[in-house]
Amino acid sequence: MEHVLTSSETLASALVTGINTAMARLIDIWDSIGIMEESRIERMQTVKKYIEDLLNDMITEEDALRHRIKTNIITSQKQLDDLCLEMQLEPYKLEENLTVLQMEKNLRWRLETLQQEKNDRLKELSNMRQQDEELCTELCATPFYIPTGSLPSCEQLQALKEHIQTLAEEKKSRVKVFSALRQDIKCMMEEMGHDPETSLEKDSVCNDADIFLLTKENIKALQLLLTQLEVKRESLLSTRDKLKDRAMSLWNRLDCPEKDGIGFPVDPQGSISNDISRWQREVQRLEELQKSMLEDVIVKVRQELLLLWDVCKFGPRQKEAFEPHFSDDSYTEELLLLHESELVKVKDCYERNRPLLEALEKWEKNWVLFQDFEKKASDPSRFSNRGGALLRESKERTKVQKMLPKLEEELRSGIDAWEKKQGTAFLVHGQRVMEYIAAQKEEYRLQKDKEKLERMTKKTESTPLKTPTKRTLGMNPGGSVPSKIRKTPSQPQLRTTSSSSSYSSSSASSTYLALPSKPPLSAAKTTTGTKHQYFNSRILIGELESMAFGALPTMAVMETFHCKLYPFFPD
């Protein structure tokens, strides 16, 4: 197989040929000149030495290059290993079967790439560290820890970036909280008319937004300051309201025109402190005026006390402690102060007990309604009402009867809780509430028994003894037959005539129930259901007629018959 020469081998062969050609020309020149053999040998040795020195120099240079490349490979490999370790990367591995020059080139390129990445990381770290330090200084937070002098990894740089984003969001949130707190504090100070006193109060209303570090401690300090101002504001409002109530009470006592909103200026733009000052001056003026009108003022205070005692349902024992002062005729400032102190005491008592008093008042209203319904239930004329009034009354009475036990149970539980908390009994007109309710019921029962006894006495005195006689259904006591009424079987008529307001055996002679003696001819054309309805109505009316000649029916029986007869007599 024929060997194919490479370019370098061809060039080397051409170099040898060139040297041989040059030597042949030199020999020809020497021959033509006539240089002797010895001189020719000397000259040829000079050419040989020159060529050998030149080639040796070239070989030396190329060998030095090879050595330098190998040295560079070793150095680059070491630097690359150190850089990979510093950057927390895997060691770089060269490909196999590479020449020295290729190895040196690959290592140099990889080293330059990693060096550039290292510089980029350091630059990014420097920028982010500056941002982190600024945010941490403002928020008094701990900076993100990366060892000084070390090269951060990609994960560390990402974590630092996220840390900075978190701090930036926290700063934004705190700035919002700081701004809101400072605005609230400023508005509250203006509303109260309060001038900043402490350094914190002055800084909180300062227009410089960067005067505060956005720390949690500063936020807590501002929140505490706002809470203190709110407490002070509530205290000022309470003071103003008390002064206003005091002034209005004095206006009413002294019959001043200001009680109708005349003559007292109102400044809606003024601060609470200014309002307090104005009300203080007005109260002071009214108290001076009150001193000159002690008797009239004390009388009006006593009227207020009487009204409040009644509202609070005080009993004699609760009033007797103040009774000597209440009946004292020496109208002095000391007596007025005692009356005003008692008035404040009773007002406080009413405010403390208002829920229970209102619940008791509700029970009393329903109790009155219950008694009214019971009174109406004993009135026979209520059955002559038309338009469903009796049914509505029955529903309302049932509602009241259900409501009373519920209200009593609510009162019982509320009073038990109150007494457990206060450690004393809750009294109404000198009695415990449940005793008071029981007394009301007992009083009503006795009243009913008394009325019943009076009715029975009157009935016994006005009713002669009479032997009862049997009466024919549908006939009046006089034996006359009531006139027939032309009605359809589905529309029977119940007519009642009474000459006395009370139902008794003596008044039965003037009461009758008239029914058609037989159905009219047109009833033959009615349906079977209508016939049943007609006969059922006659049976019910017959029962009611029988009762009309006996004893007075109870309220429940009368309501039962009313509900049964309502479908037949809707009018």
Protein backbone atom coordinates (compact mmCIF):
# COMPACT_ATOMS: atom_id res chain seq x y z
CA MET A 1 0.00 0.00 0.00
CA GLU A 2 1.49 3.31 -1.10
CA HIS A 3 2.19 5.77 1.76
CA VAL A 4 0.56 9.17 1.29
CA LEU A 5 2.79 11.98 2.45
CA THR A 6 1.32 14.64 4.68
CA SER A 7 1.87 18.30 4.08
CA SER A 8 4.53 18.51 6.78
CA GLU A 9 6.40 15.49 5.34
CA THR A 10 6.23 16.96 1.84
CA LEU A 11 7.52 20.24 3.21
CA ALA A 12 10.40 18.44 5.00
CA SER A 13 11.31 16.56 1.82
CA ALA A 14 11.25 19.85 -0.11
CA LEU A 15 13.51 21.37 2.54
CA VAL A 16 16.08 18.55 2.13
CA THR A 17 15.87 18.89 -1.65
CA GLY A 18 16.37 22.64 -1.37
CA ILE A 19 19.43 22.19 0.83
CA ASN A 20 20.90 19.64 -1.63
CA THR A 21 20.17 21.98 -4.52
CA ALA A 22 21.81 24.88 -2.68
CA MET A 23 24.86 22.78 -1.89
CA ALA A 24 25.16 21.73 -5.55
CA ARG A 25 25.04 25.34 -6.66
CA LEU A 26 27.67 26.27 -4.07
CA ILE A 27 29.90 23.52 -5.40
CA ASP A 28 29.42 24.78 -8.96
CA ILE A 29 30.29 28.28 -7.86
CA TRP A 30 33.33 27.05 -6.06
CA ASP A 31 34.35 25.05 -9.09
CA SER A 32 34.01 28.01 -11.35
CA ILE A 33 35.98 30.15 -8.97
CA GLY A 34 38.58 27.45 -8.57
CA ILE A 35 38.49 27.08 -4.88
CA MET A 36 40.69 24.34 -3.67
CA GLU A 37 39.39 21.25 -1.88
CA GLU A 38 40.65 22.34 1.50
CA SER A 39 38.97 25.73 1.20
CA ARG A 40 35.87 24.04 -0.16
CA ILE A 41 35.73 21.67 2.84
CA GLU A 42 36.21 24.62 5.15
CA ARG A 43 33.42 26.51 3.44
CA MET A 44 31.13 23.48 3.49
CA GLN A 45 31.78 23.08 7.23
CA THR A 46 30.85 26.74 7.67
CA VAL A 47 27.57 26.17 5.78
CA LYS A 48 26.89 23.02 7.80
CA LYS A 49 27.57 24.79 11.07
CA TYR A 50 25.33 27.69 10.08
CA ILE A 51 22.50 25.41 9.13
CA GLU A 52 22.92 23.26 12.27
CA ASP A 53 22.99 26.33 14.53
CA LEU A 54 19.91 27.70 12.86
CA LEU A 55 18.04 24.45 13.23
CA ASN A 56 19.24 24.01 16.80
CA ASP A 57 17.99 27.49 17.66
CA MET A 58 14.66 26.68 16.13
CA ILE A 59 14.51 23.37 17.96
CA THR A 60 15.36 25.08 21.21
CA GLU A 61 12.62 27.64 20.70
CA GLU A 62 10.03 25.02 19.82
CA ASP A 63 11.06 22.88 22.75
CA ALA A 64 10.71 25.89 25.03
CA LEU A 65 7.25 26.45 23.57
CA ARG A 66 6.29 22.88 24.27
CA HIS A 67 7.59 23.19 27.82
CA ARG A 68 5.72 26.47 28.30
CA ILE A 69 2.51 24.92 27.01
CA LYS A 70 2.86 22.00 29.39
CA THR A 71 3.54 24.40 32.22
CA ASN A 72 0.48 26.43 31.27
CA ILE A 73 -1.58 23.26 31.24
CA ILE A 74 -0.50 22.40 34.74
CA THR A 75 -1.03 25.95 35.99
CA SER A 76 -4.42 26.30 34.31
CA GLN A 77 -5.53 22.94 35.59
CA LYS A 78 -4.60 23.90 39.13
CA GLN A 79 -6.29 27.32 38.85
CA LEU A 80 -9.35 25.72 37.34
CA ASP A 81 -9.56 23.16 40.13
CA ASP A 82 -9.29 25.87 42.76
CA LEU A 83 -11.90 28.01 40.99
CA CYS A 84 -14.33 25.11 40.70
CA LEU A 85 -13.88 24.40 44.38
CA GLU A 86 -14.42 28.04 45.25
CA MET A 87 -17.50 28.28 43.04
CA GLN A 88 -18.79 24.96 44.34
CA LEU A 89 -18.73 23.37 40.89
CA GLU A 90 -17.70 19.95 39.72
CA PRO A 91 -14.00 19.66 38.72
CA TYR A 92 -13.38 20.21 35.02
CA LYS A 93 -12.33 17.08 33.12
CA LEU A 94 -10.48 17.22 29.78
CA GLU A 95 -11.50 15.07 26.90
CA GLU A 96 -9.31 12.13 26.01
CA ASN A 97 -6.88 11.92 23.04
CA LEU A 98 -6.26 15.66 22.95
CA THR A 99 -2.97 17.18 21.91
CA VAL A 100 -1.07 19.37 24.33
CA LEU A 101 -2.02 22.48 22.40
CA GLN A 102 -5.75 21.56 22.44
CA MET A 103 -5.58 20.74 26.11
CA GLU A 104 -4.01 24.13 26.83
CA LYS A 105 -6.59 25.93 24.71
CA ASN A 106 -9.59 24.17 26.36
CA LEU A 107 -8.29 24.77 29.84
CA ARG A 108 -7.57 28.43 29.10
CA TRP A 109 -11.11 28.97 27.68
CA ARG A 110 -12.79 27.26 30.65
CA LEU A 111 -10.69 29.23 33.10
CA GLU A 112 -11.59 32.53 31.46
CA THR A 113 -15.29 31.59 31.47
CA LEU A 114 -15.33 30.71 35.16
CA GLN A 115 -13.33 33.78 36.02
CA GLN A 116 -15.90 35.95 34.28
CA GLU A 117 -18.71 34.19 36.13
CA LYS A 118 -16.88 34.72 39.41
CA ASN A 119 -16.53 38.43 38.71
CA ASP A 120 -20.24 38.65 37.84
CA ARG A 121 -21.18 36.91 41.06
CA LEU A 122 -19.00 39.20 43.13
CA LYS A 123 -20.45 42.26 41.43
CA GLU A 124 -24.03 41.05 41.95
CA LEU A 125 -23.21 40.20 45.57
CA SER A 126 -21.85 43.68 46.15
CA ASN A 127 -24.98 45.35 44.77
CA MET A 128 -27.38 43.13 46.68
CA ARG A 129 -25.40 43.49 49.89
CA GLN A 130 -25.73 47.24 49.65
CA GLN A 131 -29.52 46.95 49.22
CA ASP A 132 -29.73 44.43 52.05
CA GLU A 133 -27.76 46.66 54.43
CA GLU A 134 -29.96 49.68 53.66
CA LEU A 135 -33.19 47.74 54.22
CA CYS A 136 -31.88 46.08 57.37
CA THR A 137 -30.83 49.46 58.75
CA GLU A 138 -34.31 50.90 58.13
CA LEU A 139 -36.12 47.85 59.50
CA CYS A 140 -33.56 46.99 62.21
CA ALA A 141 -33.36 43.49 60.75
CA THR A 142 -30.44 41.05 60.58
CA PRO A 143 -28.53 41.12 57.26
CA PHE A 144 -28.35 37.98 55.17
CA TYR A 145 -25.22 36.06 56.16
CA ILE A 146 -22.60 35.25 53.51
CA PRO A 147 -19.04 34.73 54.81
CA THR A 148 -16.82 37.68 54.02
CA GLY A 149 -14.23 36.96 51.29
CA SER A 150 -16.04 33.88 50.04
CA LEU A 151 -17.58 33.48 46.64
CA PRO A 152 -21.37 32.97 46.92
CA SER A 153 -23.01 30.08 45.18
CA CYS A 154 -25.94 30.49 42.83
CA GLU A 155 -28.27 29.20 45.57
CA GLN A 156 -26.91 31.77 48.03
CA LEU A 157 -27.38 34.59 45.55
CA GLN A 158 -30.97 33.46 44.91
CA ALA A 159 -31.65 33.26 48.64
CA LEU A 160 -30.20 36.75 49.12
CA LYS A 161 -32.38 38.05 46.32
CA GLU A 162 -35.50 36.56 47.92
CA HIS A 163 -34.42 37.98 51.29
CA ILE A 164 -34.19 41.45 49.79
CA GLN A 165 -37.63 41.07 48.17
CA THR A 166 -39.10 40.05 51.53
CA LEU A 167 -37.50 43.04 53.25
CA ALA A 168 -38.80 45.36 50.52
CA GLU A 169 -42.36 44.07 50.99
CA GLU A 170 -42.01 44.38 54.75
CA LYS A 171 -40.80 47.93 54.34
CA LYS A 172 -43.76 48.76 52.12
CA SER A 173 -46.14 47.27 54.68
CA ARG A 174 -44.51 49.10 57.59
CA VAL A 175 -44.50 52.39 55.72
CA LYS A 176 -48.25 51.97 55.24
CA VAL A 177 -48.75 51.18 58.94
CA PHE A 178 -46.53 54.09 60.01
CA SER A 179 -48.35 56.51 57.74
CA ALA A 180 -51.76 55.39 59.00
CA LEU A 181 -50.70 55.58 62.65
CA ARG A 182 -49.16 59.01 62.27
CA GLN A 183 -52.22 60.28 60.41
CA ASP A 184 -54.55 58.91 63.10
CA ILE A 185 -52.43 60.44 65.85
CA LYS A 186 -52.36 63.79 64.10
CA CYS A 187 -56.13 63.81 63.52
CA MET A 188 -56.82 62.76 67.11
CA MET A 189 -54.60 65.49 68.51
CA GLU A 190 -56.36 68.05 66.34
CA GLU A 191 -59.77 66.71 67.38
CA MET A 192 -58.86 66.91 71.07
CA GLY A 193 -56.99 70.21 70.74
CA HIS A 194 -53.93 68.51 72.26
CA ASP A 195 -50.48 70.03 71.74
CA PRO A 196 -47.54 67.56 71.38
CA GLU A 197 -45.55 67.35 74.59
CA THR A 198 -43.15 64.39 74.47
CA SER A 199 -40.50 63.83 71.81
CA LEU A 200 -42.48 60.87 70.48
CA GLU A 201 -45.60 63.00 70.06
CA LYS A 202 -43.59 65.71 68.30
CA ASP A 203 -41.92 63.22 65.97
CA SER A 204 -45.24 61.53 65.19
CA VAL A 205 -46.76 64.75 63.84
CA CYS A 206 -43.58 65.91 62.08
CA ASN A 207 -43.82 66.24 58.29
CA ASP A 208 -40.47 64.47 57.78
CA ALA A 209 -41.41 60.93 56.74
CA ASP A 210 -37.88 59.57 57.32
CA ILE A 211 -37.61 60.66 60.92
CA PHE A 212 -38.69 57.23 62.14
CA LEU A 213 -36.89 53.97 61.60
CA LEU A 214 -39.39 51.40 60.41
CA THR A 215 -38.86 49.10 63.39
CA LYS A 216 -41.42 46.99 65.21
CA GLU A 217 -40.55 48.79 68.42
CA ASN A 218 -41.41 52.15 66.86
CA ILE A 219 -44.68 50.73 65.52
CA LYS A 220 -45.54 49.46 69.00
CA ALA A 221 -44.62 52.85 70.47
CA LEU A 222 -46.92 54.65 68.02
CA GLN A 223 -49.72 52.14 68.64
CA LEU A 224 -49.34 52.66 72.39
CA LEU A 225 -49.39 56.44 71.89
CA LEU A 226 -52.54 56.13 69.76
CA THR A 227 -54.19 53.97 72.43
CA GLN A 228 -53.29 56.51 75.12
CA LEU A 229 -54.72 59.31 73.01
CA GLU A 230 -57.90 57.29 72.44
CA VAL A 231 -58.26 56.78 76.20
CA LYS A 232 -57.68 60.47 76.75
CA ARG A 233 -60.19 61.29 74.01
CA GLU A 234 -62.81 59.04 75.61
CA SER A 235 -62.12 60.70 78.94
CA LEU A 236 -62.52 64.16 77.40
CA LEU A 237 -65.71 63.09 75.62
CA SER A 238 -67.06 61.70 78.90
CA THR A 239 -66.16 64.94 80.66
CA ARG A 240 -67.80 66.98 77.91
CA ASP A 241 -70.95 64.82 77.97
CA LYS A 242 -71.18 65.10 81.75
CA LEU A 243 -70.81 68.87 81.55
CA LYS A 244 -73.39 68.97 78.75
CA ASP A 245 -75.83 66.81 80.73
CA ARG A 246 -75.20 68.97 83.77
CA ALA A 247 -75.86 72.13 81.77
CA MET A 248 -79.01 70.72 80.20
CA SER A 249 -80.25 69.59 83.62
CA LEU A 250 -79.64 73.08 84.99
CA TRP A 251 -81.35 74.64 81.95
CA ASN A 252 -84.44 72.53 82.63
CA ARG A 253 -84.42 73.27 86.33
CA LEU A 254 -83.96 76.99 85.81
CA ASP A 255 -86.30 77.20 82.79
CA CYS A 256 -83.57 78.77 80.69
CA PRO A 257 -84.22 79.35 76.97
CA GLU A 258 -81.13 77.27 76.14
CA LYS A 259 -83.07 74.09 76.93
CA ASP A 260 -84.84 74.56 73.60
CA GLY A 261 -81.56 75.06 71.74
CA ILE A 262 -81.75 78.85 71.86
CA GLY A 263 -78.91 81.12 72.86
CA PHE A 264 -76.03 78.63 73.26
CA PRO A 265 -73.61 78.70 70.29
CA VAL A 266 -72.33 75.43 68.87
CA ASP A 267 -68.95 75.28 67.10
CA PRO A 268 -68.84 72.13 64.90
CA GLN A 269 -65.21 72.86 63.93
CA GLY A 270 -63.98 73.33 67.48
CA SER A 271 -61.86 70.83 69.37
CA ILE A 272 -63.06 68.76 72.32
CA SER A 273 -60.94 70.82 74.71
CA ASN A 274 -62.58 74.00 73.47
CA ASP A 275 -66.01 72.42 73.87
CA ILE A 276 -65.15 71.43 77.44
CA SER A 277 -64.06 74.97 78.20
CA ARG A 278 -67.29 76.40 76.80
CA TRP A 279 -69.46 73.92 78.72
CA GLN A 280 -67.47 74.53 81.91
CA ARG A 281 -68.12 78.24 81.63
CA GLU A 282 -71.81 77.60 80.98
CA VAL A 283 -72.13 75.21 83.94
CA GLN A 284 -70.33 77.68 86.17
CA ARG A 285 -72.73 80.43 85.07
CA LEU A 286 -75.76 78.20 85.68
CA GLU A 287 -74.54 77.12 89.11
CA GLU A 288 -74.16 80.77 90.09
CA LEU A 289 -77.69 81.36 88.85
CA GLN A 290 -78.89 78.28 90.71
CA LYS A 291 -77.64 79.61 94.03
CA SER A 292 -80.11 82.47 93.76
CA MET A 293 -83.00 80.04 93.07
CA LEU A 294 -82.28 77.25 95.59
CA GLU A 295 -85.87 76.53 96.64
CA ASP A 296 -87.22 76.18 93.09
CA VAL A 297 -84.23 74.10 92.06
CA ILE A 298 -84.50 71.71 95.02
CA VAL A 299 -88.20 71.24 94.34
CA LYS A 300 -87.49 70.31 90.73
CA VAL A 301 -84.70 67.95 91.79
CA ARG A 302 -87.18 66.26 94.12
CA GLN A 303 -89.61 65.88 91.24
CA GLU A 304 -86.86 64.24 89.20
CA LEU A 305 -86.06 61.96 92.13
CA LEU A 306 -89.71 60.91 92.45
CA LEU A 307 -89.83 60.12 88.77
CA LEU A 308 -86.58 58.10 88.88
CA TRP A 309 -87.66 56.27 92.04
CA ASP A 310 -90.80 55.24 90.23
CA VAL A 311 -88.86 54.18 87.12
CA CYS A 312 -86.38 52.18 89.22
CA LYS A 313 -89.31 50.74 91.26
CA PHE A 314 -87.79 51.66 94.61
CA GLY A 315 -89.58 50.48 97.73
CA PRO A 316 -90.03 52.39 101.01
CA ARG A 317 -86.88 50.87 102.52
CA GLN A 318 -84.79 52.02 99.57
CA LYS A 319 -86.15 55.56 99.94
CA GLU A 320 -86.10 55.86 103.73
CA ALA A 321 -82.37 56.62 103.92
CA PHE A 322 -82.93 59.84 101.97
CA GLU A 323 -86.37 60.61 103.43
CA PRO A 324 -85.09 63.12 106.07
CA HIS A 325 -83.38 65.20 103.41
CA PHE A 326 -86.37 64.89 101.08
CA SER A 327 -88.69 66.43 103.66
CA ASP A 328 -86.18 69.06 104.87
CA ASP A 329 -87.48 72.61 104.34
CA SER A 330 -84.17 74.40 104.87
CA TYR A 331 -83.20 75.13 101.28
CA THR A 332 -79.42 75.43 101.41
CA GLU A 333 -76.59 74.64 99.05
CA GLU A 334 -75.67 71.62 101.18
CA LEU A 335 -79.20 70.27 100.81
CA LEU A 336 -79.03 70.81 97.05
CA LEU A 337 -75.73 68.94 96.90
CA LEU A 338 -77.28 66.05 98.81
CA HIS A 339 -80.21 65.95 96.39
CA GLU A 340 -77.94 66.08 93.37
CA SER A 341 -75.76 63.33 94.81
CA GLU A 342 -78.85 61.15 95.37
CA LEU A 343 -80.03 61.95 91.84
CA VAL A 344 -76.70 60.83 90.37
CA LYS A 345 -76.82 57.70 92.51
CA VAL A 346 -80.32 56.78 91.31
CA LYS A 347 -79.40 57.50 87.68
CA ASP A 348 -76.39 55.20 87.98
CA CYS A 349 -78.62 52.55 89.52
CA TYR A 350 -81.03 52.87 86.60
CA GLU A 351 -78.23 52.55 84.03
CA ARG A 352 -76.87 49.44 85.75
CA ASN A 353 -80.27 47.80 86.03
CA ARG A 354 -81.80 49.05 82.78
CA PRO A 355 -81.99 45.62 81.02
CA LEU A 356 -83.78 44.05 83.99
CA LEU A 357 -86.09 47.03 84.48
CA GLU A 358 -87.01 47.04 80.80
CA ALA A 359 -87.68 43.30 80.90
CA LEU A 360 -89.89 43.76 83.98
CA GLU A 361 -91.74 46.62 82.30
CA LYS A 362 -92.38 44.37 79.31
CA TRP A 363 -93.78 41.69 81.63
CA GLU A 364 -96.05 44.25 83.32
CA LYS A 365 -97.43 45.42 79.96
CA ASN A 366 -98.21 41.83 78.96
CA TRP A 367 -99.71 41.21 82.40
CA VAL A 368 -102.07 44.18 81.93
CA LEU A 369 -103.01 42.84 78.49
CA PHE A 370 -103.70 39.42 80.00
CA GLN A 371 -106.02 40.97 82.61
CA ASP A 372 -107.80 42.98 79.90
CA PHE A 373 -108.37 39.81 77.85
CA GLU A 374 -109.67 38.00 80.92
CA LYS A 375 -112.04 40.88 81.62
CA LYS A 376 -113.29 40.82 78.03
CA ALA A 377 -113.73 37.06 78.22
CA SER A 378 -116.42 37.49 80.90
CA ASP A 379 -118.43 39.90 78.72
CA PRO A 380 -121.16 37.99 76.75
CA SER A 381 -121.57 40.85 74.26
CA ARG A 382 -118.23 39.97 72.70
CA PHE A 383 -119.97 37.15 70.75
CA SER A 384 -122.00 39.69 68.79
CA ASN A 385 -118.85 41.09 67.17
CA ARG A 386 -118.54 40.50 63.45
CA GLY A 387 -115.60 40.52 61.01
CA GLY A 388 -113.44 37.94 62.82
CA ALA A 389 -112.76 40.18 65.86
CA LEU A 390 -113.36 37.29 68.27
CA LEU A 391 -110.85 35.11 66.43
CA ARG A 392 -108.24 37.87 66.43
CA GLU A 393 -108.82 38.44 70.14
CA SER A 394 -108.37 34.72 70.79
CA LYS A 395 -105.07 34.68 68.89
CA GLU A 396 -103.77 37.72 70.75
CA ARG A 397 -104.79 36.26 74.11
CA THR A 398 -103.01 33.00 73.28
CA LYS A 399 -99.92 34.95 72.27
CA VAL A 400 -99.92 36.87 75.57
CA GLN A 401 -100.45 33.66 77.57
CA LYS A 402 -97.42 32.10 75.88
CA MET A 403 -95.34 35.24 76.25
CA LEU A 404 -95.75 35.65 80.01
CA PRO A 405 -93.94 32.41 81.06
CA LYS A 406 -91.10 33.17 78.65
CA LEU A 407 -90.68 36.67 80.05
CA GLU A 408 -90.75 35.32 83.61
CA GLU A 409 -88.07 32.77 82.78
CA GLU A 410 -85.88 35.44 81.16
CA LEU A 411 -86.33 37.63 84.22
CA ARG A 412 -85.45 34.76 86.54
CA SER A 413 -82.22 33.92 84.70
CA GLY A 414 -81.23 37.59 84.32
CA ILE A 415 -81.87 38.34 87.99
CA ASP A 416 -79.96 35.24 89.14
CA ALA A 417 -76.94 36.38 87.10
CA TRP A 418 -77.26 39.94 88.43
CA GLU A 419 -77.55 38.83 92.05
CA LYS A 420 -74.63 36.46 91.69
CA LYS A 421 -72.50 39.25 90.25
CA GLN A 422 -73.61 41.99 92.67
CA GLY A 423 -73.88 39.78 95.75
CA THR A 424 -77.21 41.32 96.79
CA ALA A 425 -80.91 40.86 96.10
CA PHE A 426 -82.61 42.73 93.24
CA LEU A 427 -85.66 44.44 94.77
CA VAL A 428 -88.79 45.84 93.12
CA HIS A 429 -91.03 47.93 95.38
CA GLY A 430 -89.20 46.38 98.31
CA GLN A 431 -89.72 42.80 97.12
CA ARG A 432 -87.72 40.30 95.14
CA VAL A 433 -88.88 40.21 91.56
CA MET A 434 -90.36 36.71 91.56
CA GLU A 435 -92.15 37.48 94.85
CA TYR A 436 -93.49 40.67 93.27
CA ILE A 437 -94.79 38.70 90.26
CA ALA A 438 -96.35 36.09 92.54
CA ALA A 439 -98.00 38.86 94.58
CA GLN A 440 -99.43 40.41 91.40
CA LYS A 441 -100.91 37.06 90.40
CA GLU A 442 -102.31 36.45 93.89
CA GLU A 443 -103.84 39.92 93.98
CA TYR A 444 -105.49 39.28 90.61
CA ARG A 445 -106.80 35.91 91.81
CA LEU A 446 -108.29 37.46 94.95
CA GLN A 447 -109.86 40.21 92.88
CA LYS A 448 -111.47 37.64 90.59
CA ASP A 449 -112.76 35.67 93.59
CA LYS A 450 -114.21 38.85 95.05
CA GLU A 451 -115.95 39.75 91.79
CA LYS A 452 -117.28 36.21 91.46
CA LEU A 453 -118.64 36.32 95.01
CA GLU A 454 -120.33 39.68 94.34
CA ARG A 455 -121.96 38.32 91.18
CA MET A 456 -123.21 35.24 92.99
CA THR A 457 -124.58 37.39 95.83
CA LYS A 458 -126.39 39.69 93.42
CA LYS A 459 -127.73 36.72 91.48
CA THR A 460 -129.05 35.06 94.64
CA GLU A 461 -130.79 38.24 95.75
CA SER A 462 -132.41 38.98 92.35
CA THR A 463 -133.43 35.45 91.29
CA PRO A 464 -136.71 33.91 92.72
CA LEU A 465 -136.96 30.19 93.18
CA LYS A 466 -138.64 28.56 90.18
CA THR A 467 -139.32 25.01 89.18
CA PRO A 468 -137.57 24.33 85.89
CA THR A 469 -139.82 23.13 83.07
CA LYS A 470 -138.99 21.26 79.96
CA ARG A 471 -138.96 23.27 76.77
CA THR A 472 -139.39 22.17 73.24
CA LEU A 473 -136.38 22.67 70.97
CA GLY A 474 -136.89 25.67 68.76
CA MET A 475 -139.73 27.19 70.95
CA ASN A 476 -139.48 30.30 73.09
CA PRO A 477 -140.65 30.32 76.71
CA GLY A 478 -143.96 31.93 75.83
CA GLY A 479 -144.86 29.06 73.57
CA SER A 480 -144.95 31.18 70.43
CA VAL A 481 -143.30 29.82 67.38
CA PRO A 482 -140.76 32.14 65.82
CA SER A 483 -141.45 33.12 62.29
CA LYS A 484 -139.81 31.04 59.61
CA ILE A 485 -137.02 32.58 57.62
CA ARG A 486 -136.58 31.90 53.98
CA LYS A 487 -133.05 30.64 53.88
CA THR A 488 -131.28 27.89 52.03
CA PRO A 489 -130.18 24.90 54.12
CA SER A 490 -126.59 26.03 53.75
CA GLN A 491 -127.40 29.40 55.38
CA PRO A 492 -129.24 28.76 58.70
CA GLN A 493 -129.69 31.72 61.01
CA LEU A 494 -128.98 31.94 64.71
CA ARG A 495 -130.82 34.75 66.41
CA THR A 496 -130.48 35.61 70.06
CA THR A 497 -132.54 38.11 71.99
CA SER A 498 -131.60 38.99 75.55
CA SER A 499 -133.31 41.38 77.91
CA SER A 500 -130.56 41.14 80.51
CA SER A 501 -126.78 41.66 80.31
CA SER A 502 -126.03 38.58 82.42
CA TYR A 503 -126.33 34.96 81.49
CA SER A 504 -128.31 33.11 84.25
CA SER A 505 -131.17 30.73 84.76
CA SER A 506 -133.46 33.68 85.48
CA SER A 507 -132.73 35.31 82.10
CA ALA A 508 -133.27 32.08 80.16
CA SER A 509 -136.96 32.97 79.75
CA SER A 510 -136.04 35.93 77.53
CA THR A 511 -133.55 34.06 75.32
CA TYR A 512 -134.44 31.88 72.39
CA LEU A 513 -132.84 30.31 69.40
CA ALA A 514 -134.90 30.27 66.22
CA LEU A 515 -134.32 27.70 63.50
CA PRO A 516 -136.33 26.82 60.42
CA SER A 517 -138.82 24.12 61.42
CA LYS A 518 -138.08 22.31 58.19
CA PRO A 519 -136.03 22.92 55.12
CA PRO A 520 -137.62 25.00 52.34
CA LEU A 521 -138.68 23.29 49.11
CA SER A 522 -135.58 24.51 47.33
CA ALA A 523 -133.45 22.43 49.70
CA ALA A 524 -134.41 19.29 47.77
CA LYS A 525 -132.13 20.41 44.98
CA THR A 526 -129.06 20.81 47.17
CA THR A 527 -126.11 18.43 47.08
CA THR A 528 -125.54 15.72 49.63
CA GLY A 529 -122.62 17.70 51.21
CA THR A 530 -124.85 20.73 51.73
CA LYS A 531 -127.48 18.56 53.46
CA HIS A 532 -124.88 17.20 55.86
CA GLN A 533 -123.69 20.73 56.54
CA TYR A 534 -127.21 21.86 57.26
CA PHE A 535 -127.99 19.03 59.69
CA ASN A 536 -124.62 19.44 61.42
CA SER A 537 -125.38 23.12 61.95
CA ARG A 538 -128.77 22.27 63.44
CA ILE A 539 -127.17 19.84 65.86
CA LEU A 540 -124.62 22.45 67.02
CA ILE A 541 -127.28 25.12 67.39
CA GLY A 542 -129.39 22.67 69.33
CA GLU A 543 -126.55 22.11 71.74
CA LEU A 544 -126.05 25.84 72.15
CA GLU A 545 -129.82 26.31 72.70
CA SER A 546 -129.77 23.70 75.44
CA MET A 547 -126.91 25.54 77.12
CA ALA A 548 -128.70 28.85 76.86
CA PHE A 549 -131.35 27.63 79.35
CA GLY A 550 -128.85 26.16 81.75
CA ALA A 551 -125.93 27.62 83.69
CA LEU A 552 -123.61 30.28 82.24
CA PRO A 553 -121.20 28.49 79.83
CA THR A 554 -117.47 28.85 80.34
CA MET A 555 -115.31 30.97 78.07
CA ALA A 556 -113.61 27.90 76.58
CA VAL A 557 -116.97 26.26 75.73
CA MET A 558 -118.27 29.40 74.06
CA GLU A 559 -115.09 29.72 71.99
CA THR A 560 -115.39 26.06 70.97
CA PHE A 561 -118.92 26.61 69.67
CA HIS A 562 -117.88 29.81 67.98
CA CYS A 563 -115.12 27.96 66.08
CA LYS A 564 -117.53 25.14 65.16
CA LEU A 565 -120.24 27.52 63.95
CA TYR A 566 -117.88 29.87 62.12
CA PRO A 567 -117.96 27.85 58.83
CA PHE A 568 -121.79 28.05 58.83
CA PHE A 569 -122.02 31.73 59.86
CA PRO A 570 -118.95 33.51 58.48
CA ASP A 571 -120.59 36.88 58.94
